[in-house]
Amino acid sequence: MAEMNHSHEPMIRRDSHSREIDLNNRDPKQISEDVVKVSFEDVIAEPAGTHSLDGVWKASYTTFTVSKYCCYRSLTAIFGIPLSLLWGLLFACLSFWHIWAVMPCTKSCLIEFQCLSQPYSLIIRTFFHPLFEAMGKMYSGVRVVMRKW
């Protein structure tokens, strides 16, 4: 496993499937970007003319930031592994269901519908296409004029 060396290279470890895990960039696809952008200023904002004491504002900022950080770390320490297990099982079941049931069923339906589509297409081309073409020619000379009374 690669550990953090004393240079500025990112800390990377390999998991059991030989895939690299970047311990610095844990959201490479930025799926949780909106949550991270919530800062003190997004939650608590004092308009001009209504300011608390500077010391209170600074202490509030520090309290908010530290409590958010500590609470997140505590929740992930308690629930991170059990929820990872739960989500892993859920996505494994979804993958299994999709691969072994949904896709074969879909493929089977497409094959069966292809057999039905040829007679259906023949009926449409034989009976309805000439009918609608004749009606189109019949009504092509109709002009609609809107007048205000």
Protein backbone atom coordinates (compact mmCIF):
# COMPACT_ATOMS: atom_id res chain seq x y z
CA MET A 1 0.00 0.00 0.00
CA ALA A 2 1.23 3.47 -0.83
CA GLU A 3 1.38 5.77 2.14
CA MET A 4 1.85 9.56 2.28
CA ASN A 5 5.45 10.40 1.62
CA HIS A 6 6.96 13.67 2.67
CA SER A 7 6.60 15.26 -0.76
CA HIS A 8 3.40 16.85 -2.06
CA GLU A 9 2.17 13.69 -3.81
CA PRO A 10 -1.40 12.58 -3.01
CA MET A 11 -1.92 9.78 -0.54
CA ILE A 12 -3.14 6.75 -2.49
CA ARG A 13 -3.95 3.27 -1.23
CA ARG A 14 -5.02 0.14 -3.08
CA ASP A 15 -8.13 -1.77 -2.02
CA SER A 16 -8.56 -5.54 -2.24
CA HIS A 17 -9.54 -5.32 -5.91
CA SER A 18 -6.30 -3.50 -6.90
CA ARG A 19 -8.14 -0.25 -7.56
CA GLU A 20 -6.49 2.93 -6.35
CA ILE A 21 -8.22 4.86 -3.58
CA ASP A 22 -7.32 8.53 -3.41
CA LEU A 23 -7.48 9.57 0.23
CA ASN A 24 -7.25 13.27 -0.65
CA ASN A 25 -9.87 13.57 -3.40
CA ARG A 26 -12.75 11.49 -2.05
CA ASP A 27 -15.38 12.92 -4.41
CA PRO A 28 -13.72 12.75 -7.85
CA LYS A 29 -17.07 12.86 -9.65
CA GLN A 30 -18.28 15.75 -7.43
CA ILE A 31 -21.61 14.14 -6.54
CA SER A 32 -21.68 15.78 -3.10
CA GLU A 33 -20.54 19.21 -4.23
CA ASP A 34 -23.71 21.02 -3.09
CA VAL A 35 -23.41 19.73 0.48
CA VAL A 36 -19.80 20.85 0.80
CA LYS A 37 -20.61 24.36 -0.40
CA VAL A 38 -22.80 25.05 2.66
CA SER A 39 -20.79 27.36 4.84
CA PHE A 40 -21.47 29.60 7.83
CA GLU A 41 -22.33 32.53 5.56
CA ASP A 42 -24.91 30.40 3.71
CA VAL A 43 -26.73 29.58 6.96
CA ILE A 44 -26.28 32.64 9.17
CA ALA A 45 -26.12 36.07 7.59
CA GLU A 46 -26.52 39.46 9.23
CA PRO A 47 -27.73 42.24 6.94
CA ALA A 48 -26.07 45.65 6.96
CA GLY A 49 -27.15 47.67 9.97
CA THR A 50 -27.92 44.58 12.06
CA HIS A 51 -24.58 43.25 13.21
CA SER A 52 -23.78 41.39 16.40
CA LEU A 53 -20.60 42.09 18.33
CA ASP A 54 -17.46 41.13 16.42
CA GLY A 55 -16.42 38.68 19.13
CA VAL A 56 -19.83 36.98 19.02
CA TRP A 57 -19.69 36.75 15.22
CA LYS A 58 -16.18 35.21 15.31
CA ALA A 59 -17.12 32.77 18.10
CA SER A 60 -20.31 31.80 16.25
CA TYR A 61 -18.33 31.15 13.09
CA THR A 62 -15.82 28.98 14.94
CA THR A 63 -18.57 27.12 16.83
CA PHE A 64 -20.51 26.43 13.63
CA THR A 65 -17.47 25.25 11.68
CA VAL A 66 -15.98 23.08 14.43
CA SER A 67 -19.32 21.53 15.45
CA LYS A 68 -20.17 20.74 11.81
CA TYR A 69 -16.76 19.11 11.34
CA CYS A 70 -16.86 17.16 14.62
CA CYS A 71 -20.46 16.03 14.17
CA TYR A 72 -19.74 14.81 10.64
CA ARG A 73 -16.63 12.93 11.78
CA SER A 74 -18.54 11.36 14.69
CA LEU A 75 -21.50 10.31 12.53
CA THR A 76 -19.20 8.76 9.92
CA ALA A 77 -17.25 6.94 12.64
CA ILE A 78 -20.48 5.47 14.05
CA PHE A 79 -22.59 4.92 10.91
CA GLY A 80 -20.09 4.92 8.01
CA ILE A 81 -19.23 1.23 7.97
CA PRO A 82 -22.78 -0.11 8.67
CA LEU A 83 -24.25 2.18 6.00
CA SER A 84 -21.50 1.21 3.55
CA LEU A 85 -22.45 -2.42 4.14
CA LEU A 86 -26.13 -1.61 3.63
CA TRP A 87 -25.52 0.38 0.43
CA GLY A 88 -23.11 -2.28 -0.87
CA LEU A 89 -25.75 -4.97 -0.35
CA LEU A 90 -28.46 -2.81 -1.92
CA PHE A 91 -26.43 -2.02 -5.04
CA ALA A 92 -25.31 -5.65 -5.31
CA CYS A 93 -28.99 -6.72 -5.26
CA LEU A 94 -29.90 -4.03 -7.80
CA SER A 95 -27.05 -5.12 -10.07
CA PHE A 96 -28.03 -8.77 -9.72
CA TRP A 97 -31.70 -8.01 -10.44
CA HIS A 98 -30.84 -5.83 -13.44
CA ILE A 99 -28.31 -8.27 -14.94
CA TRP A 100 -30.17 -11.52 -14.31
CA ALA A 101 -33.84 -10.47 -14.57
CA VAL A 102 -34.53 -7.05 -16.11
CA MET A 103 -32.20 -7.19 -19.11
CA PRO A 104 -33.08 -10.78 -20.16
CA CYS A 105 -36.78 -9.97 -19.82
CA THR A 106 -36.34 -6.77 -21.85
CA LYS A 107 -34.34 -8.58 -24.52
CA SER A 108 -36.98 -11.34 -24.69
CA CYS A 109 -39.77 -8.77 -25.10
CA LEU A 110 -37.88 -6.99 -27.86
CA ILE A 111 -37.42 -10.28 -29.73
CA GLU A 112 -41.11 -11.15 -29.35
CA PHE A 113 -42.25 -7.68 -30.37
CA GLN A 114 -40.06 -7.86 -33.45
CA CYS A 115 -42.09 -10.89 -34.58
CA LEU A 116 -45.30 -8.94 -34.01
CA SER A 117 -44.03 -5.74 -35.62
CA GLN A 118 -43.80 -7.21 -39.13
CA PRO A 119 -47.52 -8.16 -39.44
CA TYR A 120 -48.49 -4.90 -37.70
CA SER A 121 -46.38 -2.89 -40.15
CA LEU A 122 -47.92 -4.81 -43.07
CA ILE A 123 -51.46 -4.01 -41.88
CA ILE A 124 -50.62 -0.33 -41.42
CA ARG A 125 -49.02 -0.06 -44.90
CA THR A 126 -51.82 -2.03 -46.59
CA PHE A 127 -54.95 -0.49 -45.06
CA PHE A 128 -54.24 2.70 -43.12
CA HIS A 129 -51.53 4.35 -45.22
CA PRO A 130 -53.71 4.57 -48.37
CA LEU A 131 -56.71 5.68 -46.30
CA PHE A 132 -54.85 8.52 -44.60
CA GLU A 133 -53.15 9.52 -47.85
CA ALA A 134 -56.55 9.80 -49.55
CA MET A 135 -57.97 11.81 -46.65
CA GLY A 136 -54.93 14.10 -46.78
CA LYS A 137 -55.48 14.76 -50.48
CA MET A 138 -59.20 15.28 -49.89
CA TYR A 139 -58.70 17.89 -47.19
CA SER A 140 -55.56 19.53 -48.61
CA GLY A 141 -57.67 22.18 -50.36
CA VAL A 142 -59.50 23.24 -47.19
CA ARG A 143 -58.52 26.68 -45.98
CA VAL A 144 -59.46 27.97 -42.56
CA VAL A 145 -59.97 31.70 -42.18
CA MET A 146 -60.45 33.28 -38.78
CA ARG A 147 -62.51 36.46 -38.68
CA LYS A 148 -63.34 38.67 -35.78
CA TRP A 149 -67.06 39.44 -35.52
